[in-house]
Amino acid sequence: MPRLRILPFLLSAILLGLAGPPAGAEIPRFKGTEVGGSGGYAQDFHLRDHDGRPHTLADFRGKAVVLFFGYLQCPNYCPLTLARLAEVMALLGADAQRVQVLFITLDPERDTPRALKEYVSNFHPSFLGLHATPEATPGLALKFRVYYRKVPGSTPGNYHIDHAVFSYAYDPAGRLRLRLSDSLSAAEIAADLKRLLSAD
């Protein structure tokens, strides 16, 4: 008998779930976290790409930009992120021409421009690898609120880097809008970028 008394409550819960959120409840517009209104995030950069060309964010005006920090010897996050973003480009179809992916190295001592170019182009021909000097990289990461630290290995040149695992997305006007977590799928990122492009 107690089970019969519980049944109406279960049915009510199911029906409420099917009905969706209450009227007036705010439905998130993005799968990523909106950060555009938050202070303290860097809004631009002055870096060189893997071909030696200088860039600022203004160079990509008119495109949605996905930017993330990593390093070439990263065993998991960086290659998985680049592979996921290559899938995003495929999902976007013609809209992919209005999206630019930027990979900023946290390891300029080892990640030479030539190595950056070979690495990112293996995932997609439009991806760009950017770098600062070894001296400027810590300040750059701090401005973008990106945590990283070198973890020493058995020799001075044999180290790995612990670093943040998220990306930033900018709209075509060059405004920082989203933080994209590592848990988002390619389909979710593609949907967020389409929304940013449609709002242009």
N, C-alpha and C. Protein backbone atom coordinates (compact mmCIF):
# COMPACT_ATOMS: atom_id res chain seq x y z
N MET A 1 0.80 -1.22 0.00
CA MET A 1 0.00 0.00 0.00
C MET A 1 0.84 1.28 0.00
N PRO A 2 1.93 1.40 0.78
CA PRO A 2 2.72 2.63 0.74
C PRO A 2 3.19 2.96 -0.67
N ARG A 3 3.49 1.93 -1.46
CA ARG A 3 3.96 2.18 -2.83
C ARG A 3 2.88 2.86 -3.65
N LEU A 4 1.59 2.51 -3.41
CA LEU A 4 0.49 3.11 -4.15
C LEU A 4 0.35 4.59 -3.82
N ARG A 5 0.66 4.94 -2.55
CA ARG A 5 0.56 6.36 -2.17
C ARG A 5 1.68 7.16 -2.80
N ILE A 6 2.84 6.56 -3.08
CA ILE A 6 3.96 7.26 -3.69
C ILE A 6 3.72 7.50 -5.17
N LEU A 7 2.95 6.62 -5.81
CA LEU A 7 2.77 6.68 -7.25
C LEU A 7 2.26 8.04 -7.74
N PRO A 8 1.23 8.65 -7.10
CA PRO A 8 0.77 9.95 -7.61
C PRO A 8 1.86 11.02 -7.61
N PHE A 9 2.74 10.98 -6.60
CA PHE A 9 3.82 11.97 -6.55
C PHE A 9 4.79 11.76 -7.71
N LEU A 10 5.07 10.50 -8.05
CA LEU A 10 5.96 10.21 -9.17
C LEU A 10 5.35 10.68 -10.49
N LEU A 11 4.04 10.44 -10.64
CA LEU A 11 3.37 10.87 -11.86
C LEU A 11 3.37 12.39 -11.98
N SER A 12 3.18 13.07 -10.88
CA SER A 12 3.20 14.54 -10.89
C SER A 12 4.56 15.07 -11.30
N ALA A 13 5.62 14.44 -10.75
CA ALA A 13 6.97 14.88 -11.07
C ALA A 13 7.27 14.69 -12.54
N ILE A 14 6.82 13.56 -13.10
CA ILE A 14 7.05 13.29 -14.52
C ILE A 14 6.32 14.30 -15.38
N LEU A 15 5.05 14.59 -15.02
CA LEU A 15 4.26 15.53 -15.81
C LEU A 15 4.85 16.93 -15.74
N LEU A 16 5.36 17.32 -14.59
CA LEU A 16 5.99 18.63 -14.47
C LEU A 16 7.24 18.71 -15.34
N GLY A 17 7.99 17.62 -15.38
CA GLY A 17 9.19 17.59 -16.21
C GLY A 17 8.85 17.72 -17.68
N LEU A 18 7.76 17.05 -18.11
CA LEU A 18 7.36 17.12 -19.51
C LEU A 18 6.85 18.51 -19.86
N ALA A 19 6.28 19.20 -18.88
CA ALA A 19 5.72 20.51 -19.14
C ALA A 19 6.79 21.56 -19.36
N GLY A 20 8.04 21.28 -18.98
CA GLY A 20 9.12 22.23 -19.16
C GLY A 20 9.21 23.18 -17.98
N PRO A 21 10.09 24.21 -18.10
CA PRO A 21 10.29 25.15 -17.00
C PRO A 21 9.06 26.02 -16.78
N PRO A 22 8.88 26.54 -15.58
CA PRO A 22 7.73 27.41 -15.29
C PRO A 22 7.72 28.62 -16.21
N ALA A 23 6.53 29.16 -16.43
CA ALA A 23 6.39 30.36 -17.26
C ALA A 23 7.23 31.48 -16.67
N GLY A 24 7.96 32.17 -17.53
CA GLY A 24 8.79 33.28 -17.07
C GLY A 24 10.17 32.88 -16.63
N ALA A 25 10.43 31.57 -16.52
CA ALA A 25 11.77 31.13 -16.12
C ALA A 25 12.75 31.41 -17.25
N GLU A 26 13.95 31.88 -16.90
CA GLU A 26 14.95 32.23 -17.90
C GLU A 26 15.63 30.96 -18.41
N ILE A 27 15.62 30.78 -19.72
CA ILE A 27 16.28 29.64 -20.36
C ILE A 27 17.64 30.09 -20.86
N PRO A 28 18.73 29.42 -20.47
CA PRO A 28 20.07 29.85 -20.91
C PRO A 28 20.16 29.91 -22.43
N ARG A 29 20.76 30.98 -22.94
CA ARG A 29 20.88 31.13 -24.38
C ARG A 29 22.02 30.31 -24.95
N PHE A 30 23.02 30.02 -24.11
CA PHE A 30 24.22 29.34 -24.56
C PHE A 30 24.52 28.13 -23.69
N LYS A 31 25.23 27.18 -24.27
CA LYS A 31 25.76 26.06 -23.50
C LYS A 31 27.03 26.49 -22.75
N GLY A 32 27.79 27.39 -23.35
CA GLY A 32 28.95 27.94 -22.68
C GLY A 32 28.54 28.95 -21.62
N THR A 33 29.49 29.35 -20.79
CA THR A 33 29.21 30.31 -19.71
C THR A 33 29.42 31.72 -20.22
N GLU A 34 28.41 32.57 -20.07
CA GLU A 34 28.53 33.95 -20.53
C GLU A 34 29.43 34.74 -19.57
N VAL A 35 30.46 35.36 -20.13
CA VAL A 35 31.41 36.12 -19.32
C VAL A 35 31.62 37.53 -19.86
N GLY A 36 30.89 37.89 -20.90
CA GLY A 36 31.10 39.18 -21.54
C GLY A 36 30.89 40.36 -20.61
N GLY A 37 29.97 40.22 -19.66
CA GLY A 37 29.71 41.33 -18.76
C GLY A 37 30.63 41.37 -17.54
N SER A 38 31.52 40.38 -17.43
CA SER A 38 32.39 40.31 -16.27
C SER A 38 33.64 41.15 -16.49
N GLY A 39 34.04 41.88 -15.48
CA GLY A 39 35.26 42.67 -15.58
C GLY A 39 36.48 41.81 -15.32
N GLY A 40 37.64 42.31 -15.72
CA GLY A 40 38.88 41.63 -15.40
C GLY A 40 39.37 40.67 -16.45
N TYR A 41 38.60 40.44 -17.51
CA TYR A 41 39.05 39.55 -18.58
C TYR A 41 39.75 40.38 -19.66
N ALA A 42 40.87 39.90 -20.14
CA ALA A 42 41.56 40.59 -21.22
C ALA A 42 40.67 40.62 -22.46
N GLN A 43 40.69 41.75 -23.15
CA GLN A 43 39.84 41.91 -24.32
C GLN A 43 40.63 41.91 -25.63
N ASP A 44 41.96 41.83 -25.55
CA ASP A 44 42.77 41.87 -26.77
C ASP A 44 44.13 41.26 -26.49
N PHE A 45 44.92 41.12 -27.55
CA PHE A 45 46.28 40.59 -27.43
C PHE A 45 47.11 41.16 -28.57
N HIS A 46 48.43 41.09 -28.42
CA HIS A 46 49.37 41.46 -29.47
C HIS A 46 50.38 40.32 -29.55
N LEU A 47 50.16 39.43 -30.53
CA LEU A 47 50.96 38.21 -30.64
C LEU A 47 51.36 37.97 -32.09
N ARG A 48 52.31 37.06 -32.28
CA ARG A 48 52.70 36.65 -33.63
C ARG A 48 52.19 35.25 -33.89
N ASP A 49 51.80 35.01 -35.16
CA ASP A 49 51.33 33.68 -35.50
C ASP A 49 52.49 32.80 -35.93
N HIS A 50 52.19 31.58 -36.34
CA HIS A 50 53.25 30.62 -36.65
C HIS A 50 53.99 30.96 -37.94
N ASP A 51 53.52 31.96 -38.69
CA ASP A 51 54.24 32.43 -39.87
C ASP A 51 54.96 33.74 -39.61
N GLY A 52 54.96 34.17 -38.35
CA GLY A 52 55.67 35.40 -37.99
C GLY A 52 54.87 36.67 -38.14
N ARG A 53 53.61 36.56 -38.53
CA ARG A 53 52.79 37.76 -38.73
C ARG A 53 52.21 38.25 -37.40
N PRO A 54 52.25 39.56 -37.13
CA PRO A 54 51.66 40.09 -35.89
C PRO A 54 50.14 40.11 -35.98
N HIS A 55 49.50 39.89 -34.86
CA HIS A 55 48.03 39.88 -34.82
C HIS A 55 47.52 40.54 -33.55
N THR A 56 46.38 41.19 -33.70
CA THR A 56 45.54 41.57 -32.57
C THR A 56 44.16 40.98 -32.85
N LEU A 57 43.28 41.07 -31.88
CA LEU A 57 41.94 40.52 -32.07
C LEU A 57 41.21 41.23 -33.21
N ALA A 58 41.54 42.51 -33.44
CA ALA A 58 40.86 43.27 -34.48
C ALA A 58 41.09 42.69 -35.87
N ASP A 59 42.16 41.93 -36.05
CA ASP A 59 42.43 41.32 -37.35
C ASP A 59 41.36 40.31 -37.74
N PHE A 60 40.61 39.82 -36.77
CA PHE A 60 39.61 38.79 -37.04
C PHE A 60 38.18 39.33 -36.93
N ARG A 61 38.06 40.66 -36.99
CA ARG A 61 36.73 41.28 -36.92
C ARG A 61 35.85 40.75 -38.03
N GLY A 62 34.61 40.45 -37.70
CA GLY A 62 33.69 39.84 -38.65
C GLY A 62 33.60 38.33 -38.51
N LYS A 63 34.49 37.77 -37.68
CA LYS A 63 34.46 36.34 -37.42
C LYS A 63 34.24 36.08 -35.94
N ALA A 64 33.64 34.94 -35.63
CA ALA A 64 33.64 34.46 -34.25
C ALA A 64 35.02 33.82 -34.02
N VAL A 65 35.59 34.08 -32.86
CA VAL A 65 36.94 33.59 -32.56
C VAL A 65 36.87 32.66 -31.35
N VAL A 66 37.49 31.50 -31.48
CA VAL A 66 37.66 30.58 -30.35
C VAL A 66 39.14 30.57 -30.01
N LEU A 67 39.47 30.91 -28.79
CA LEU A 67 40.86 31.06 -28.36
C LEU A 67 41.10 30.17 -27.15
N PHE A 68 42.21 29.42 -27.19
CA PHE A 68 42.57 28.66 -26.00
C PHE A 68 44.07 28.52 -25.88
N PHE A 69 44.51 28.27 -24.66
CA PHE A 69 45.91 28.18 -24.30
C PHE A 69 46.30 26.72 -24.08
N GLY A 70 47.48 26.35 -24.53
CA GLY A 70 47.96 25.00 -24.32
C GLY A 70 49.42 24.87 -24.71
N TYR A 71 49.84 23.66 -24.99
CA TYR A 71 51.22 23.44 -25.43
C TYR A 71 51.29 22.15 -26.23
N LEU A 72 52.30 22.04 -27.07
CA LEU A 72 52.33 20.98 -28.06
C LEU A 72 52.55 19.60 -27.47
N GLN A 73 53.23 19.51 -26.34
CA GLN A 73 53.47 18.21 -25.74
C GLN A 73 52.38 17.80 -24.76
N CYS A 74 51.30 18.54 -24.74
CA CYS A 74 50.15 18.21 -23.90
C CYS A 74 49.62 16.83 -24.32
N PRO A 75 49.46 15.90 -23.37
CA PRO A 75 49.09 14.54 -23.75
C PRO A 75 47.61 14.32 -24.04
N ASN A 76 46.74 15.22 -23.59
CA ASN A 76 45.31 14.93 -23.75
C ASN A 76 44.46 16.14 -24.12
N TYR A 77 44.39 17.15 -23.25
CA TYR A 77 43.44 18.24 -23.47
C TYR A 77 43.64 18.94 -24.81
N CYS A 78 44.86 19.33 -25.11
CA CYS A 78 45.09 20.14 -26.32
C CYS A 78 44.75 19.39 -27.61
N PRO A 79 45.26 18.19 -27.81
CA PRO A 79 44.87 17.49 -29.05
C PRO A 79 43.37 17.17 -29.10
N LEU A 80 42.77 16.84 -27.95
CA LEU A 80 41.33 16.56 -27.93
C LEU A 80 40.53 17.82 -28.25
N THR A 81 40.97 18.96 -27.73
CA THR A 81 40.28 20.22 -27.99
C THR A 81 40.38 20.59 -29.47
N LEU A 82 41.57 20.48 -30.04
CA LEU A 82 41.73 20.81 -31.45
C LEU A 82 40.91 19.86 -32.33
N ALA A 83 40.89 18.59 -31.97
CA ALA A 83 40.09 17.63 -32.74
C ALA A 83 38.60 17.97 -32.63
N ARG A 84 38.17 18.35 -31.43
CA ARG A 84 36.75 18.73 -31.25
C ARG A 84 36.43 19.98 -32.06
N LEU A 85 37.35 20.95 -32.07
CA LEU A 85 37.10 22.18 -32.83
C LEU A 85 37.14 21.94 -34.33
N ALA A 86 37.93 20.98 -34.78
CA ALA A 86 37.89 20.60 -36.19
C ALA A 86 36.52 20.01 -36.53
N GLU A 87 35.96 19.24 -35.61
CA GLU A 87 34.61 18.70 -35.80
C GLU A 87 33.58 19.82 -35.81
N VAL A 88 33.78 20.82 -34.97
CA VAL A 88 32.90 21.99 -34.95
C VAL A 88 32.89 22.65 -36.32
N MET A 89 34.07 22.82 -36.91
CA MET A 89 34.16 23.46 -38.22
C MET A 89 33.37 22.67 -39.26
N ALA A 90 33.45 21.35 -39.19
CA ALA A 90 32.69 20.52 -40.12
C ALA A 90 31.18 20.69 -39.91
N LEU A 91 30.76 20.76 -38.65
CA LEU A 91 29.35 20.92 -38.34
C LEU A 91 28.81 22.28 -38.79
N LEU A 92 29.66 23.30 -38.79
CA LEU A 92 29.23 24.64 -39.15
C LEU A 92 28.98 24.81 -40.65
N GLY A 93 29.53 23.93 -41.46
CA GLY A 93 29.34 24.06 -42.90
C GLY A 93 29.91 25.36 -43.42
N ALA A 94 29.11 26.10 -44.18
CA ALA A 94 29.57 27.36 -44.78
C ALA A 94 29.91 28.40 -43.72
N ASP A 95 29.30 28.32 -42.54
CA ASP A 95 29.59 29.28 -41.47
C ASP A 95 31.01 29.14 -40.93
N ALA A 96 31.67 28.03 -41.22
CA ALA A 96 33.04 27.84 -40.74
C ALA A 96 33.99 28.90 -41.29
N GLN A 97 33.64 29.48 -42.44
CA GLN A 97 34.47 30.53 -43.02
C GLN A 97 34.46 31.79 -42.17
N ARG A 98 33.50 31.88 -41.26
CA ARG A 98 33.39 33.06 -40.39
C ARG A 98 33.80 32.73 -38.96
N VAL A 99 34.60 31.68 -38.80
CA VAL A 99 35.10 31.28 -37.48
C VAL A 99 36.63 31.13 -37.55
N GLN A 100 37.31 31.66 -36.55
CA GLN A 100 38.77 31.52 -36.47
C GLN A 100 39.15 30.89 -35.14
N VAL A 101 39.89 29.78 -35.20
CA VAL A 101 40.41 29.12 -34.00
C VAL A 101 41.86 29.55 -33.80
N LEU A 102 42.17 29.98 -32.57
CA LEU A 102 43.51 30.44 -32.20
C LEU A 102 44.04 29.61 -31.04
N PHE A 103 45.22 29.05 -31.22
CA PHE A 103 45.88 28.26 -30.19
C PHE A 103 47.09 29.06 -29.71
N ILE A 104 47.10 29.45 -28.43
CA ILE A 104 48.21 30.23 -27.87
C ILE A 104 49.06 29.31 -27.00
N THR A 105 50.33 29.21 -27.32
CA THR A 105 51.18 28.30 -26.57
C THR A 105 51.59 28.88 -25.22
N LEU A 106 51.59 28.02 -24.23
CA LEU A 106 52.10 28.34 -22.90
C LEU A 106 53.55 27.88 -22.74
N ASP A 107 54.12 27.37 -23.83
CA ASP A 107 55.46 26.78 -23.77
C ASP A 107 56.31 27.29 -24.95
N PRO A 108 56.51 28.62 -25.04
CA PRO A 108 57.23 29.16 -26.20
C PRO A 108 58.70 28.73 -26.24
N GLU A 109 59.23 28.26 -25.11
CA GLU A 109 60.62 27.78 -25.12
C GLU A 109 60.77 26.56 -26.03
N ARG A 110 59.78 25.70 -26.05
CA ARG A 110 59.86 24.48 -26.85
C ARG A 110 58.99 24.53 -28.10
N ASP A 111 57.91 25.28 -28.05
CA ASP A 111 56.97 25.32 -29.17
C ASP A 111 57.40 26.38 -30.18
N THR A 112 58.25 26.00 -31.09
CA THR A 112 58.74 26.93 -32.11
C THR A 112 57.61 27.26 -33.09
N PRO A 113 57.72 28.38 -33.80
CA PRO A 113 56.69 28.70 -34.80
C PRO A 113 56.49 27.59 -35.82
N ARG A 114 57.57 26.97 -36.28
CA ARG A 114 57.43 25.89 -37.26
C ARG A 114 56.66 24.71 -36.66
N ALA A 115 56.99 24.36 -35.41
CA ALA A 115 56.29 23.25 -34.76
C ALA A 115 54.82 23.59 -34.54
N LEU A 116 54.53 24.85 -34.17
CA LEU A 116 53.14 25.28 -33.99
C LEU A 116 52.36 25.13 -35.29
N LYS A 117 52.96 25.56 -36.38
CA LYS A 117 52.28 25.50 -37.68
C LYS A 117 51.96 24.06 -38.06
N GLU A 118 52.94 23.18 -37.93
CA GLU A 118 52.72 21.78 -38.28
C GLU A 118 51.65 21.15 -37.40
N TYR A 119 51.67 21.51 -36.12
CA TYR A 119 50.74 20.90 -35.17
C TYR A 119 49.30 21.32 -35.45
N VAL A 120 49.03 22.63 -35.49
CA VAL A 120 47.64 23.07 -35.63
C VAL A 120 47.08 22.77 -37.01
N SER A 121 47.92 22.83 -38.04
CA SER A 121 47.42 22.57 -39.39
C SER A 121 47.07 21.11 -39.60
N ASN A 122 47.58 20.23 -38.76
CA ASN A 122 47.18 18.82 -38.83
C ASN A 122 45.71 18.64 -38.49
N PHE A 123 45.15 19.58 -37.74
CA PHE A 123 43.75 19.48 -37.33
C PHE A 123 42.83 20.21 -38.30
N HIS A 124 43.25 21.42 -38.74
CA HIS A 124 42.45 22.18 -39.69
C HIS A 124 43.34 23.23 -40.34
N PRO A 125 43.25 23.42 -41.65
CA PRO A 125 44.16 24.36 -42.32
C PRO A 125 43.98 25.82 -41.91
N SER A 126 42.83 26.17 -41.36
CA SER A 126 42.60 27.57 -40.98
C SER A 126 43.06 27.89 -39.56
N PHE A 127 43.37 26.88 -38.75
CA PHE A 127 43.75 27.13 -37.36
C PHE A 127 45.10 27.85 -37.32
N LEU A 128 45.24 28.77 -36.38
CA LEU A 128 46.48 29.52 -36.21
C LEU A 128 47.09 29.25 -34.85
N GLY A 129 48.42 29.08 -34.82
CA GLY A 129 49.15 28.99 -33.57
C GLY A 129 49.80 30.32 -33.27
N LEU A 130 49.58 30.85 -32.08
CA LEU A 130 50.12 32.14 -31.68
C LEU A 130 51.11 31.97 -30.52
N HIS A 131 52.05 32.91 -30.42
CA HIS A 131 53.02 32.81 -29.33
C HIS A 131 53.49 34.20 -28.89
N ALA A 132 53.82 34.28 -27.62
CA ALA A 132 54.49 35.45 -27.07
C ALA A 132 55.92 35.03 -26.74
N THR A 133 56.71 35.94 -26.23
CA THR A 133 58.04 35.57 -25.78
C THR A 133 57.92 34.80 -24.46
N PRO A 134 58.94 34.03 -24.09
CA PRO A 134 58.90 33.35 -22.79
C PRO A 134 58.68 34.32 -21.63
N GLU A 135 59.25 35.52 -21.74
CA GLU A 135 59.12 36.50 -20.66
C GLU A 135 57.70 37.06 -20.57
N ALA A 136 57.02 37.20 -21.72
CA ALA A 136 55.70 37.82 -21.74
C ALA A 136 54.57 36.83 -21.50
N THR A 137 54.82 35.53 -21.65
CA THR A 137 53.75 34.53 -21.55
C THR A 137 53.07 34.50 -20.19
N PRO A 138 53.80 34.55 -19.05
CA PRO A 138 53.09 34.54 -17.76
C PRO A 138 52.11 35.70 -17.59
N GLY A 139 52.51 36.90 -18.00
CA GLY A 139 51.62 38.05 -17.90
C GLY A 139 50.42 37.93 -18.81
N LEU A 140 50.63 37.37 -19.99
CA LEU A 140 49.53 37.16 -20.94
C LEU A 140 48.50 36.20 -20.35
N ALA A 141 48.96 35.09 -19.81
CA ALA A 141 48.05 34.12 -19.21
C ALA A 141 47.29 34.74 -18.04
N LEU A 142 47.96 35.56 -17.25
CA LEU A 142 47.31 36.20 -16.11
C LEU A 142 46.20 37.14 -16.58
N LYS A 143 46.44 37.89 -17.63
CA LYS A 143 45.43 38.82 -18.14
C LYS A 143 44.19 38.08 -18.63
N PHE A 144 44.40 36.87 -19.15
CA PHE A 144 43.28 36.09 -19.65
C PHE A 144 42.71 35.13 -18.60
N ARG A 145 43.18 35.26 -17.38
CA ARG A 145 42.72 34.41 -16.27
C ARG A 145 42.91 32.93 -16.58
N VAL A 146 44.04 32.60 -17.15
CA VAL A 146 44.37 31.23 -17.50
C VAL A 146 45.46 30.73 -16.56
N TYR A 147 45.11 29.75 -15.75
CA TYR A 147 46.09 29.16 -14.83
C TYR A 147 47.02 28.22 -15.57
N TYR A 148 48.32 28.29 -15.24
CA TYR A 148 49.25 27.25 -15.70
C TYR A 148 50.48 27.25 -14.82
N ARG A 149 51.15 26.11 -14.77
CA ARG A 149 52.43 26.03 -14.06
C ARG A 149 53.23 24.88 -14.64
N LYS A 150 54.53 25.09 -14.68
CA LYS A 150 55.43 24.04 -15.14
C LYS A 150 55.67 23.04 -14.02
N VAL A 151 55.59 21.77 -14.35
CA VAL A 151 55.86 20.71 -13.39
C VAL A 151 57.18 20.05 -13.80
N PRO A 152 58.23 20.20 -12.97
CA PRO A 152 59.55 19.70 -13.37
C PRO A 152 59.56 18.20 -13.60
N GLY A 153 60.39 17.78 -14.57
CA GLY A 153 60.59 16.38 -14.85
C GLY A 153 61.97 15.94 -14.41
N SER A 154 62.46 14.89 -15.02
CA SER A 154 63.76 14.33 -14.61
C SER A 154 64.93 15.18 -15.06
N THR A 155 64.73 16.00 -16.11
CA THR A 155 65.77 16.91 -16.59
C THR A 155 65.14 18.28 -16.80
N PRO A 156 65.97 19.35 -16.88
CA PRO A 156 65.41 20.70 -17.04
C PRO A 156 64.48 20.85 -18.24
N GLY A 157 64.79 20.18 -19.35
CA GLY A 157 63.94 20.31 -20.52
C GLY A 157 62.81 19.32 -20.59
N ASN A 158 62.73 18.44 -19.61
CA ASN A 158 61.70 17.41 -19.58
C ASN A 158 60.68 17.75 -18.51
N TYR A 159 59.72 18.56 -18.86
CA TYR A 159 58.69 18.99 -17.92
C TYR A 159 57.34 18.93 -18.62
N HIS A 160 56.28 18.94 -17.82
CA HIS A 160 54.96 19.11 -18.40
C HIS A 160 54.29 20.31 -17.76
N ILE A 161 53.17 20.70 -18.30
CA ILE A 161 52.50 21.93 -17.86
C ILE A 161 51.08 21.61 -17.44
N ASP A 162 50.76 21.92 -16.21
CA ASP A 162 49.36 21.89 -15.77
C ASP A 162 48.71 23.20 -16.22
N HIS A 163 47.55 23.12 -16.83
CA HIS A 163 46.94 24.37 -17.30
C HIS A 163 45.42 24.24 -17.35
N ALA A 164 44.79 25.40 -17.44
CA ALA A 164 43.33 25.48 -17.49
C ALA A 164 42.81 24.76 -18.73
N VAL A 165 41.62 24.19 -18.60
CA VAL A 165 41.04 23.42 -19.71
C VAL A 165 39.70 24.04 -20.15
N PHE A 166 39.78 25.23 -20.68
CA PHE A 166 38.60 25.86 -21.26
C PHE A 166 39.05 26.77 -22.40
N SER A 167 38.10 27.18 -23.20
CA SER A 167 38.36 28.09 -24.31
C SER A 167 37.51 29.34 -24.14
N TYR A 168 37.88 30.39 -24.85
CA TYR A 168 37.07 31.60 -24.90
C TYR A 168 36.46 31.75 -26.29
N ALA A 169 35.27 32.30 -26.35
CA ALA A 169 34.64 32.60 -27.64
C ALA A 169 34.30 34.09 -27.70
N TYR A 170 34.70 34.71 -28.81
CA TYR A 170 34.43 36.13 -29.07
C TYR A 170 33.43 36.23 -30.22
N ASP A 171 32.60 37.25 -30.17
CA ASP A 171 31.64 37.44 -31.25
C ASP A 171 32.30 38.19 -32.42
N PRO A 172 31.62 38.32 -33.56
CA PRO A 172 32.23 38.97 -34.72
C PRO A 172 32.61 40.43 -34.51
N ALA A 173 32.07 41.06 -33.48
CA ALA A 173 32.44 42.44 -33.17
C ALA A 173 33.69 42.51 -32.29
N GLY A 174 34.25 41.34 -31.94
CA GLY A 174 35.47 41.31 -31.14
C GLY A 174 35.23 41.34 -29.65
N ARG A 175 34.00 41.12 -29.22
CA ARG A 175 33.68 41.15 -27.79
C ARG A 175 33.75 39.75 -27.20
N LEU A 176 34.42 39.63 -26.06
CA LEU A 176 34.46 38.36 -25.34
C LEU A 176 33.06 38.03 -24.85
N ARG A 177 32.57 36.82 -25.18
CA ARG A 177 31.20 36.47 -24.81
C ARG A 177 31.10 35.22 -23.95
N LEU A 178 31.90 34.18 -24.26
CA LEU A 178 31.68 32.89 -23.63
C LEU A 178 32.97 32.25 -23.15
N ARG A 179 32.86 31.48 -22.07
CA ARG A 179 33.89 30.53 -21.68
C ARG A 179 33.35 29.14 -21.96
N LEU A 180 34.05 28.39 -22.79
CA LEU A 180 33.60 27.07 -23.23
C LEU A 180 34.35 26.01 -22.44
N SER A 181 33.63 25.23 -21.66
CA SER A 181 34.27 24.22 -20.84
C SER A 181 34.67 23.01 -21.67
N ASP A 182 35.57 22.22 -21.12
CA ASP A 182 36.05 21.02 -21.81
C ASP A 182 34.96 19.96 -21.91
N SER A 183 33.89 20.11 -21.17
CA SER A 183 32.83 19.10 -21.18
C SER A 183 31.83 19.29 -22.32
N LEU A 184 31.90 20.41 -23.02
CA LEU A 184 30.95 20.67 -24.11
C LEU A 184 31.28 19.82 -25.32
N SER A 185 30.25 19.36 -26.00
CA SER A 185 30.43 18.58 -27.22
C SER A 185 30.66 19.50 -28.40
N ALA A 186 31.09 18.93 -29.51
CA ALA A 186 31.27 19.70 -30.74
C ALA A 186 29.93 20.31 -31.18
N ALA A 187 28.86 19.55 -31.06
CA ALA A 187 27.54 20.06 -31.46
C ALA A 187 27.12 21.25 -30.61
N GLU A 188 27.41 21.20 -29.31
CA GLU A 188 27.04 22.31 -28.42
C GLU A 188 27.87 23.55 -28.74
N ILE A 189 29.15 23.38 -28.99
CA ILE A 189 30.00 24.53 -29.34
C ILE A 189 29.55 25.12 -30.68
N ALA A 190 29.27 24.26 -31.64
CA ALA A 190 28.81 24.74 -32.94
C ALA A 190 27.52 25.55 -32.80
N ALA A 191 26.60 25.08 -31.96
CA ALA A 191 25.35 25.81 -31.76
C ALA A 191 25.60 27.18 -31.13
N ASP A 192 26.53 27.26 -30.17
CA ASP A 192 26.86 28.54 -29.55
C ASP A 192 27.48 29.48 -30.56
N LEU A 193 28.37 28.98 -31.40
CA LEU A 193 29.02 29.84 -32.39
C LEU A 193 28.01 30.31 -33.43
N LYS A 194 27.09 29.46 -33.84
CA LYS A 194 26.04 29.88 -34.77
C LYS A 194 25.21 31.01 -34.17
N ARG A 195 24.95 30.91 -32.88
CA ARG A 195 24.17 31.95 -32.22
C ARG A 195 24.96 33.28 -32.20
N LEU A 196 26.26 33.19 -31.93
CA LEU A 196 27.09 34.40 -31.95
C LEU A 196 27.13 35.01 -33.35
N LEU A 197 27.21 34.17 -34.37
CA LEU A 197 27.26 34.66 -35.74
C LEU A 197 25.94 35.26 -36.16
N SER A 198 24.84 34.69 -35.71
CA SER A 198 23.52 35.19 -36.11
C SER A 198 23.19 36.51 -35.45
N ALA A 199 23.86 36.80 -34.32
CA ALA A 199 23.62 38.05 -33.61
C ALA A 199 24.44 39.19 -34.18
N ASP A 200 25.33 38.88 -35.14
CA ASP A 200 26.21 39.90 -35.73
C ASP A 200 25.39 40.93 -36.50
